[in-house]
């Protein structure tokens, strides 16, 4: 346990970040209440409802949060491998005894509560990745370290994909920002990643992949001609063309033979190749209608009709932002986005003032995971990314989600409050 005098403990806690966390939790509770509001059971703390259960989850999260703050920060460093192993075991167990909900076998039933191990997998991965990479900071970044770090991330990804829960699995890839911050991947890697995303979209939009490859050949040929006097660039251009062509063929193969039909349909709708407002595009269509109907100031609390009458599916979980957009309008939505951005910037600020590599790496892991969830969840409700089904941190309904994000954040705050002691 830590010393609880004001100078060494309470005086060093980042209370501003805690305030932002609490504001988001309260916003979540009231909007879950609005999303599933029933005039016959109007109470905010009716335990038979989602919002009643969420109030219990928030109260429990507060207890968990302040319990973390009084534990010695070094404890989390020492047990990071144990936490990782326990979560991996849980991810294996869920494949055996898990409950299938919505096509994903991602929950372990514990009485009336359902535990989702994949949510805690992000926490465990951030801790172990920070533990491993922090031991390599005095060495030059090398491929061996990068591969071992990637393996730490990809093991839970593989297990989550077996559920299959594509959304949760993709969230782990946000940790690429950690590798970038620590110098294991550079600007060239990010540029190639951007090229890969562009070619992925083009490969799906262009009706024949060989047309795209032909266009790519012409572009590479023009670059090769302009750089014909520099042979080292010619070789690089040739390799880039071959790799890009193979990648385009792989994207086409994966799209046709690996993705499930509903996943292909969601991508087609986002890319404008398909219009199915009553089928696969129903969720997105109703989401846009709900958010757009809020206009500038919104319809007012508990006055939303699209979400209240179940036009929007999963309105208290994956599509909770629709309730915010409909009842609080553009102004309320921008304020919420502002709170999130403030929290993310605060986490980055905390990361940069850490005195140990472990705390800094972990902090960037927290920022990466929260940013991914924030961007993808809101992005899918307004139609700029495919619907993959991930929660909005601290706001969407769910105990596993709220607790895992709370633990993720408060372990960081514990590191920050004792950064002088960790350095010593």
Protein backbone atom coordinates (compact mmCIF):
# COMPACT_ATOMS: atom_id res chain seq x y z
CA UNK A 1 0.00 0.00 0.00
CA UNK A 2 1.09 3.57 -0.54
CA UNK A 3 1.59 6.38 1.94
CA UNK A 4 -1.61 8.41 2.01
CA UNK A 5 -0.24 11.78 3.07
CA UNK A 6 -1.33 14.70 0.91
CA UNK A 7 2.14 15.68 -0.25
CA UNK A 8 3.15 12.28 -1.62
CA UNK A 9 -0.21 10.93 -2.75
CA UNK A 10 -3.32 13.09 -3.14
CA UNK A 11 -1.31 16.14 -4.12
CA UNK A 12 0.24 14.31 -7.07
CA UNK A 13 -2.86 12.68 -8.51
CA UNK A 14 -4.04 14.20 -11.77
CA UNK A 15 -7.49 15.21 -10.59
CA UNK A 16 -8.30 16.92 -13.89
CA UNK A 17 -8.10 13.58 -15.72
CA UNK A 18 -10.25 11.96 -13.04
CA UNK A 19 -12.81 14.75 -13.49
CA UNK A 20 -12.91 14.15 -17.26
CA UNK A 21 -13.35 10.41 -16.65
CA UNK A 22 -16.21 11.03 -14.23
CA UNK A 23 -17.92 13.48 -16.61
CA UNK A 24 -17.85 10.87 -19.39
CA UNK A 25 -19.26 8.19 -17.06
CA UNK A 26 -22.13 10.49 -16.02
CA UNK A 27 -22.83 11.42 -19.65
CA UNK A 28 -22.92 7.71 -20.44
CA UNK A 29 -25.37 6.93 -17.62
CA UNK A 30 -27.85 9.65 -18.60
CA UNK A 31 -27.72 8.76 -22.29
CA UNK A 32 -28.16 5.04 -21.65
CA UNK A 33 -31.20 6.06 -19.62
CA UNK A 34 -32.45 8.14 -22.55
CA UNK A 35 -31.76 5.41 -25.11
CA UNK A 36 -33.94 2.80 -23.40
CA UNK A 37 -36.27 5.13 -21.50
CA UNK A 38 -39.56 3.57 -20.42
CA UNK A 39 -42.22 5.96 -19.00
CA UNK A 40 -43.63 3.09 -16.93
CA UNK A 41 -40.24 2.58 -15.23
CA UNK A 42 -38.73 6.07 -15.29
CA UNK A 43 -36.32 5.72 -12.35
CA UNK A 44 -32.66 6.29 -13.19
CA UNK A 45 -31.60 3.55 -10.75
CA UNK A 46 -34.09 0.82 -11.66
CA UNK A 47 -31.84 -2.26 -11.51
CA UNK A 48 -34.06 -4.15 -13.94
CA UNK A 49 -32.92 -1.80 -16.73
CA UNK A 50 -29.63 -1.21 -18.51
CA UNK A 51 -29.22 2.22 -16.98
CA UNK A 52 -29.87 0.84 -13.50
CA UNK A 53 -27.21 -1.80 -14.04
CA UNK A 54 -24.86 0.83 -15.46
CA UNK A 55 -25.20 2.87 -12.28
CA UNK A 56 -23.96 -0.17 -10.36
CA UNK A 57 -21.11 -0.62 -12.84
CA UNK A 58 -20.11 3.04 -12.39
CA UNK A 59 -20.21 2.78 -8.59
CA UNK A 60 -18.08 -0.37 -8.79
CA UNK A 61 -15.71 1.37 -11.22
CA UNK A 62 -15.23 4.19 -8.71
CA UNK A 63 -14.27 1.66 -6.04
CA UNK A 64 -11.90 -0.07 -8.45
CA UNK A 65 -10.38 3.26 -9.51
CA UNK A 66 -9.53 4.45 -6.04
CA UNK A 67 -8.36 0.99 -5.00
CA UNK A 68 -5.82 1.19 -7.83
CA UNK A 69 -4.65 4.60 -6.62
CA UNK A 70 -3.68 3.25 -3.19
CA UNK A 71 -1.74 0.26 -4.52
CA UNK A 72 2.01 0.59 -4.97
CA UNK A 73 2.65 1.46 -8.63
CA UNK A 74 5.51 -1.03 -8.82
CA UNK A 75 3.02 -3.82 -8.16
CA UNK A 76 1.48 -3.37 -11.63
CA UNK A 77 4.90 -3.56 -13.24
CA UNK A 78 5.79 -6.79 -11.44
CA UNK A 79 2.49 -8.56 -12.19
CA UNK A 80 2.16 -7.49 -15.84
CA UNK A 81 3.24 -10.95 -17.17
CA UNK A 82 0.79 -12.65 -14.78
CA UNK A 83 -2.10 -10.42 -15.88
CA UNK A 84 -1.27 -11.16 -19.51
CA UNK A 85 -1.21 -14.93 -18.95
CA UNK A 86 -4.50 -14.85 -17.00
CA UNK A 87 -6.22 -12.91 -19.79
CA UNK A 88 -4.86 -15.28 -22.45
CA UNK A 89 -6.29 -18.19 -20.46
CA UNK A 90 -9.65 -16.40 -20.26
CA UNK A 91 -9.60 -15.82 -24.02
CA UNK A 92 -9.10 -19.57 -24.49
CA UNK A 93 -11.82 -20.43 -21.96
CA UNK A 94 -14.35 -18.18 -23.71
CA UNK A 95 -13.85 -20.19 -26.91
CA UNK A 96 -14.88 -23.31 -24.99
CA UNK A 97 -17.64 -22.23 -22.59
CA UNK A 98 -18.46 -18.73 -23.85
CA UNK A 99 -21.95 -17.53 -24.64
CA UNK A 100 -22.69 -16.64 -28.25
CA UNK A 101 -24.29 -13.22 -28.60
CA UNK A 102 -24.83 -11.65 -32.01
CA UNK A 103 -22.65 -14.25 -33.72
CA UNK A 104 -19.66 -13.68 -31.40
CA UNK A 105 -18.65 -16.16 -28.71
CA UNK A 106 -17.04 -13.45 -26.61
CA UNK A 107 -18.68 -13.62 -23.18
CA UNK A 108 -18.20 -15.89 -20.17
CA UNK A 109 -21.52 -16.18 -18.25
CA UNK A 110 -21.15 -15.48 -14.51
CA UNK A 111 -24.69 -15.65 -13.19
CA UNK A 112 -26.58 -12.64 -14.51
CA UNK A 113 -23.32 -10.93 -15.48
CA UNK A 114 -21.33 -11.63 -18.65
CA UNK A 115 -17.56 -11.12 -18.61
CA UNK A 116 -15.91 -10.12 -21.91
CA UNK A 117 -12.21 -11.08 -21.70
CA UNK A 118 -11.27 -9.28 -24.93
CA UNK A 119 -11.89 -5.93 -23.20
CA UNK A 120 -9.31 -6.78 -20.54
CA UNK A 121 -6.98 -8.13 -23.23
CA UNK A 122 -6.10 -4.56 -24.24
CA UNK A 123 -5.11 -3.72 -20.67
CA UNK A 124 -2.98 -6.85 -20.34
CA UNK A 125 -1.29 -6.25 -23.69
CA UNK A 126 -0.47 -2.63 -22.86
CA UNK A 127 1.12 -3.69 -19.57
CA UNK A 128 3.23 -6.53 -20.98
CA UNK A 129 4.24 -4.53 -24.05
CA UNK A 130 5.40 -1.69 -21.80
CA UNK A 131 7.25 -4.17 -19.60
CA UNK A 132 9.10 -5.71 -22.54
CA UNK A 133 9.87 -2.59 -24.57
CA UNK A 134 11.05 -0.69 -21.48
CA UNK A 135 13.84 -3.24 -21.04
CA UNK A 136 15.05 -2.50 -24.58
CA UNK A 137 15.26 1.31 -24.38
CA UNK A 138 19.03 1.39 -23.91
CA UNK A 139 19.52 -0.61 -27.09
CA UNK A 140 19.10 0.44 -30.70
CA UNK A 141 15.68 -0.54 -32.12
CA UNK A 142 16.05 -3.83 -33.94
CA UNK A 143 13.93 -6.35 -35.80
CA UNK A 144 14.09 -8.95 -33.01
CA UNK A 145 12.59 -6.53 -30.48
CA UNK A 146 9.94 -5.44 -32.97
CA UNK A 147 8.95 -9.05 -33.74
CA UNK A 148 8.70 -10.03 -30.06
CA UNK A 149 6.68 -6.90 -29.33
CA UNK A 150 4.41 -7.67 -32.29
CA UNK A 151 3.94 -11.24 -31.00
CA UNK A 152 2.77 -9.87 -27.64
CA UNK A 153 0.08 -7.93 -29.51
CA UNK A 154 -0.85 -10.57 -32.08
CA UNK A 155 -1.43 -13.49 -29.69
CA UNK A 156 -4.59 -11.99 -28.13
CA UNK A 157 -5.59 -10.69 -31.57
CA UNK A 158 -5.57 -14.26 -32.93
CA UNK A 159 -7.67 -15.55 -30.02
CA UNK A 160 -10.17 -12.70 -30.32
CA UNK A 161 -10.49 -13.33 -34.07
CA UNK A 162 -11.47 -16.93 -33.31
CA UNK A 163 -14.56 -15.71 -31.43
CA UNK A 164 -14.90 -14.02 -34.03
CA UNK A 165 -14.91 -10.39 -32.82
CA UNK A 166 -13.31 -8.34 -35.59
CA UNK A 167 -13.92 -4.98 -33.92
CA UNK A 168 -12.16 -5.85 -30.67
CA UNK A 169 -9.31 -7.51 -32.58
CA UNK A 170 -8.71 -4.41 -34.70
CA UNK A 171 -8.42 -2.24 -31.58
CA UNK A 172 -5.13 -3.95 -30.69
CA UNK A 173 -3.55 -2.64 -33.90
CA UNK A 174 -3.82 0.89 -32.52
CA UNK A 175 -0.70 -0.01 -30.53
CA UNK A 176 1.31 0.65 -33.71
CA UNK A 177 1.54 4.22 -32.35
CA UNK A 178 3.50 2.87 -29.38
CA UNK A 179 6.05 1.28 -31.69
CA UNK A 180 6.24 4.54 -33.65
CA UNK A 181 6.79 6.65 -30.52
CA UNK A 182 9.57 4.35 -29.32
CA UNK A 183 11.33 4.37 -32.69
CA UNK A 184 10.66 0.78 -33.78
CA UNK A 185 8.78 1.91 -36.86
CA UNK A 186 9.54 5.13 -38.72
CA UNK A 187 7.93 7.51 -41.16
CA UNK A 188 8.58 5.12 -44.04
CA UNK A 189 6.45 2.48 -42.32
CA UNK A 190 3.62 4.96 -41.79
CA UNK A 191 3.79 6.04 -45.44
CA UNK A 192 3.65 2.42 -46.57
CA UNK A 193 0.72 1.83 -44.21
CA UNK A 194 -1.08 4.79 -45.79
CA UNK A 195 -0.34 3.38 -49.25
CA UNK A 196 -1.69 0.00 -48.15
CA UNK A 197 -4.95 1.60 -46.98
CA UNK A 198 -5.28 3.54 -50.24
CA UNK A 199 -4.65 0.42 -52.35
CA UNK A 200 -7.10 -1.53 -50.19
CA UNK A 201 -9.88 0.98 -50.89
CA UNK A 202 -9.01 1.21 -54.60
CA UNK A 203 -8.87 -2.59 -54.91
CA UNK A 204 -12.46 -2.72 -53.65
CA UNK A 205 -13.69 0.17 -55.77
CA UNK A 206 -12.10 -0.77 -59.10
CA UNK A 207 -14.18 -3.56 -60.73
CA UNK A 208 -11.14 -5.43 -62.08
CA UNK A 209 -7.93 -5.70 -60.06
CA UNK A 210 -5.83 -6.00 -63.24
CA UNK A 211 -6.95 -2.52 -64.30
CA UNK A 212 -5.63 -1.12 -61.03
CA UNK A 213 -2.36 -3.02 -61.43
CA UNK A 214 -1.99 -1.61 -64.97
CA UNK A 215 -2.53 1.94 -63.70
CA UNK A 216 -0.01 1.30 -60.93
CA UNK A 217 2.47 0.03 -63.55
CA UNK A 218 2.12 3.27 -65.53
CA UNK A 219 2.63 5.42 -62.40
CA UNK A 220 5.69 3.44 -61.33
CA UNK A 221 7.00 3.60 -64.89
CA UNK A 222 6.78 7.40 -64.89
CA UNK A 223 8.65 7.58 -61.59
CA UNK A 224 11.27 5.13 -62.90
CA UNK A 225 11.77 7.23 -66.04
CA UNK A 226 12.22 10.45 -64.05
CA UNK A 227 14.74 8.72 -61.76
CA UNK A 228 16.43 6.61 -64.46
CA UNK A 229 19.90 7.89 -63.55
CA UNK A 230 19.64 6.64 -59.95
CA UNK A 231 19.67 2.85 -60.01
CA UNK A 232 19.04 2.38 -56.30
CA UNK A 233 15.67 4.11 -56.72
CA UNK A 234 14.82 2.00 -59.76
CA UNK A 235 15.21 -1.19 -57.75
CA UNK A 236 13.04 0.23 -54.95
CA UNK A 237 10.35 1.27 -57.41
CA UNK A 238 10.36 -2.17 -59.01
CA UNK A 239 10.05 -3.91 -55.64
CA UNK A 240 7.30 -1.53 -54.59
CA UNK A 241 5.34 -2.29 -57.77
CA UNK A 242 5.67 -6.07 -57.29
CA UNK A 243 4.70 -5.87 -53.60
CA UNK A 244 1.75 -3.57 -54.36
CA UNK A 245 0.49 -5.83 -57.15
CA UNK A 246 0.66 -8.89 -54.90
CA UNK A 247 -1.10 -6.95 -52.14
CA UNK A 248 -3.94 -5.94 -54.49
CA UNK A 249 -4.45 -9.57 -55.54
CA UNK A 250 -4.44 -10.66 -51.87
CA UNK A 251 -7.03 -8.00 -50.98
CA UNK A 252 -9.29 -9.21 -53.77
CA UNK A 253 -8.87 -12.84 -52.69
CA UNK A 254 -9.52 -12.03 -49.01
CA UNK A 255 -12.57 -9.96 -49.87
CA UNK A 256 -14.12 -12.71 -51.96
CA UNK A 257 -13.09 -15.79 -49.95
CA UNK A 258 -12.36 -14.81 -46.33
CA UNK A 259 -14.76 -12.02 -45.34
CA UNK A 260 -18.29 -13.07 -44.48
CA UNK A 261 -21.14 -11.77 -46.61
CA UNK A 262 -22.39 -9.27 -44.02
CA UNK A 263 -18.86 -7.89 -43.63
CA UNK A 264 -18.54 -7.44 -47.42
CA UNK A 265 -21.92 -5.73 -47.51
CA UNK A 266 -20.95 -3.27 -44.76
CA UNK A 267 -17.79 -2.32 -46.66
CA UNK A 268 -19.72 -1.95 -49.92
CA UNK A 269 -22.22 0.37 -48.23
CA UNK A 270 -19.45 2.59 -46.82
CA UNK A 271 -17.75 2.75 -50.24
CA UNK A 272 -21.03 3.57 -51.98
CA UNK A 273 -21.05 0.37 -54.03
CA UNK A 274 -24.29 -0.79 -52.45
CA UNK A 275 -27.49 0.87 -51.24
CA UNK A 276 -29.49 -1.32 -48.88
CA UNK A 277 -31.34 0.90 -46.39
CA UNK A 278 -33.61 -1.92 -45.21
CA UNK A 279 -31.01 -4.68 -45.09
CA UNK A 280 -27.32 -4.49 -44.27
CA UNK A 281 -27.42 -0.69 -44.40
CA UNK A 282 -30.32 -0.41 -41.95
CA UNK A 283 -28.18 0.24 -38.87
CA UNK A 284 -26.13 2.96 -40.54
CA UNK A 285 -29.15 4.53 -42.20
CA UNK A 286 -31.12 4.77 -38.94
CA UNK A 287 -28.00 6.04 -37.16
CA UNK A 288 -27.61 8.92 -39.62
CA UNK A 289 -31.32 9.75 -39.39
CA UNK A 290 -31.14 9.87 -35.57
CA UNK A 291 -28.04 12.07 -35.47
CA UNK A 292 -29.28 14.35 -38.24
CA UNK A 293 -32.69 14.80 -36.61
CA UNK A 294 -31.02 16.43 -33.61
CA UNK A 295 -29.99 19.39 -35.81
CA UNK A 296 -28.18 22.17 -33.91
CA UNK A 297 -29.49 22.00 -30.35
CA UNK A 298 -31.14 18.56 -30.24
CA UNK A 299 -34.66 17.47 -29.31
CA UNK A 300 -34.00 17.63 -25.58
CA UNK A 301 -33.36 15.02 -22.91
CA UNK A 302 -35.72 12.01 -23.15
CA UNK A 303 -37.33 13.55 -26.25
CA UNK A 304 -35.55 11.44 -28.86
CA UNK A 305 -37.84 9.30 -31.01
CA UNK A 306 -35.42 7.39 -33.25
CA UNK A 307 -33.56 5.81 -30.36
CA UNK A 308 -36.41 5.64 -27.85
CA UNK A 309 -38.60 3.60 -30.18
CA UNK A 310 -35.84 1.20 -31.18
CA UNK A 311 -35.35 2.45 -34.72
CA UNK A 312 -31.63 2.46 -33.98
CA UNK A 313 -30.30 -0.99 -32.99
CA UNK A 314 -27.88 -1.40 -30.08
CA UNK A 315 -28.67 2.15 -29.08
CA UNK A 316 -27.26 1.85 -25.55
CA UNK A 317 -24.02 0.10 -26.58
CA UNK A 318 -22.36 0.44 -30.00
CA UNK A 319 -24.70 3.21 -31.21
CA UNK A 320 -24.94 5.28 -28.02
CA UNK A 321 -23.62 8.33 -29.92
CA UNK A 322 -26.91 8.40 -31.86
CA UNK A 323 -28.78 9.23 -28.66
CA UNK A 324 -26.35 12.05 -27.94
CA UNK A 325 -26.69 13.42 -31.48
CA UNK A 326 -30.49 13.23 -31.48
CA UNK A 327 -31.19 14.65 -28.01
CA UNK A 328 -28.27 17.06 -27.61
CA UNK A 329 -27.76 18.01 -31.26
CA UNK A 330 -24.63 19.22 -32.99
CA UNK A 331 -23.64 21.42 -30.05
CA UNK A 332 -23.88 18.57 -27.55
CA UNK A 333 -22.01 16.22 -29.88
CA UNK A 334 -19.18 18.72 -30.35
CA UNK A 335 -18.95 19.23 -26.58
CA UNK A 336 -18.65 15.48 -26.08
CA UNK A 337 -15.96 15.22 -28.77
CA UNK A 338 -14.20 18.12 -27.06
CA UNK A 339 -14.17 16.32 -23.72
CA UNK A 340 -12.70 13.23 -25.38
CA UNK A 341 -10.03 15.21 -27.20
CA UNK A 342 -9.14 17.03 -23.99
CA UNK A 343 -8.79 13.67 -22.22
CA UNK A 344 -6.60 12.26 -25.00
CA UNK A 345 -4.36 15.34 -25.04
CA UNK A 346 -4.12 15.14 -21.26
CA UNK A 347 -3.00 11.51 -21.47
CA UNK A 348 -0.33 12.41 -24.04
CA UNK A 349 0.82 15.22 -21.73
CA UNK A 350 1.02 12.74 -18.86
CA UNK A 351 2.94 10.31 -21.08
CA UNK A 352 5.60 12.88 -21.96
CA UNK A 353 6.27 13.85 -18.34
CA UNK A 354 6.93 10.29 -17.18
CA UNK A 355 10.43 9.55 -15.90
CA UNK A 356 10.45 5.84 -16.70
CA UNK A 357 10.20 4.11 -20.06
CA UNK A 358 7.60 1.68 -18.70
CA UNK A 359 5.17 4.42 -17.67
CA UNK A 360 5.69 6.38 -20.90
CA UNK A 361 5.15 3.35 -23.14
CA UNK A 362 2.10 2.28 -21.14
CA UNK A 363 0.67 5.81 -21.34
CA UNK A 364 0.93 5.84 -25.12
CA UNK A 365 -0.75 2.44 -25.17
CA UNK A 366 -3.66 3.89 -23.19
CA UNK A 367 -3.91 6.89 -25.53
CA UNK A 368 -3.80 4.65 -28.62
CA UNK A 369 -6.54 2.30 -27.43
CA UNK A 370 -8.86 5.10 -26.29
CA UNK A 371 -8.34 7.08 -29.50
CA UNK A 372 -9.10 4.03 -31.66
CA UNK A 373 -12.36 3.31 -29.82
CA UNK A 374 -13.37 6.98 -29.82
CA UNK A 375 -12.66 7.49 -33.54
CA UNK A 376 -14.10 4.19 -34.82
CA UNK A 377 -17.24 4.22 -32.66
CA UNK A 378 -18.25 7.75 -33.62
CA UNK A 379 -17.02 7.23 -37.18
CA UNK A 380 -19.23 4.21 -37.74
CA UNK A 381 -22.34 6.00 -36.47
CA UNK A 382 -21.87 8.83 -39.00
CA UNK A 383 -20.82 6.54 -41.84
CA UNK A 384 -17.13 7.29 -42.38
CA UNK A 385 -15.91 3.82 -41.30
CA UNK A 386 -17.54 0.36 -41.54
CA UNK A 387 -19.75 -0.78 -38.68
CA UNK A 388 -17.54 -3.13 -36.66
CA UNK A 389 -19.20 -2.94 -33.26
CA UNK A 390 -16.97 -1.52 -30.53
CA UNK A 391 -18.03 0.50 -27.44
CA UNK A 392 -17.55 4.21 -26.84
CA UNK A 393 -15.24 4.30 -23.77
CA UNK A 394 -16.92 5.18 -20.45
CA UNK A 395 -20.23 5.91 -22.21
CA UNK A 396 -21.51 2.70 -23.83
CA UNK A 397 -23.44 0.29 -21.64
CA UNK A 398 -21.48 -2.66 -20.26
CA UNK A 399 -19.58 -3.64 -17.14
CA UNK A 400 -16.59 -5.27 -18.84
CA UNK A 401 -16.06 -2.26 -21.08
CA UNK A 402 -16.36 0.34 -18.30
CA UNK A 403 -14.18 -1.57 -15.84
CA UNK A 404 -11.45 -2.39 -18.34
CA UNK A 405 -11.16 1.20 -19.59
CA UNK A 406 -11.26 2.49 -16.01
CA UNK A 407 -8.47 0.14 -14.91
CA UNK A 408 -6.50 1.04 -18.03
CA UNK A 409 -6.71 4.76 -17.23
CA UNK A 410 -6.24 4.63 -13.47
CA UNK A 411 -3.15 2.44 -13.60
CA UNK A 412 -1.67 5.23 -15.72
CA UNK A 413 -2.73 7.82 -13.13
CA UNK A 414 -1.11 5.68 -10.44
CA UNK A 415 2.16 5.61 -12.39
CA UNK A 416 1.93 9.35 -12.87
CA UNK A 417 1.30 10.10 -9.19
CA UNK A 418 4.44 8.18 -8.22
CA UNK A 419 6.69 9.04 -11.17
CA UNK A 420 9.44 10.36 -8.89
CA UNK A 421 9.44 7.18 -6.85
CA UNK A 422 9.43 4.94 -9.94
CA UNK A 423 12.43 6.81 -11.30
CA UNK A 424 14.30 6.20 -8.10
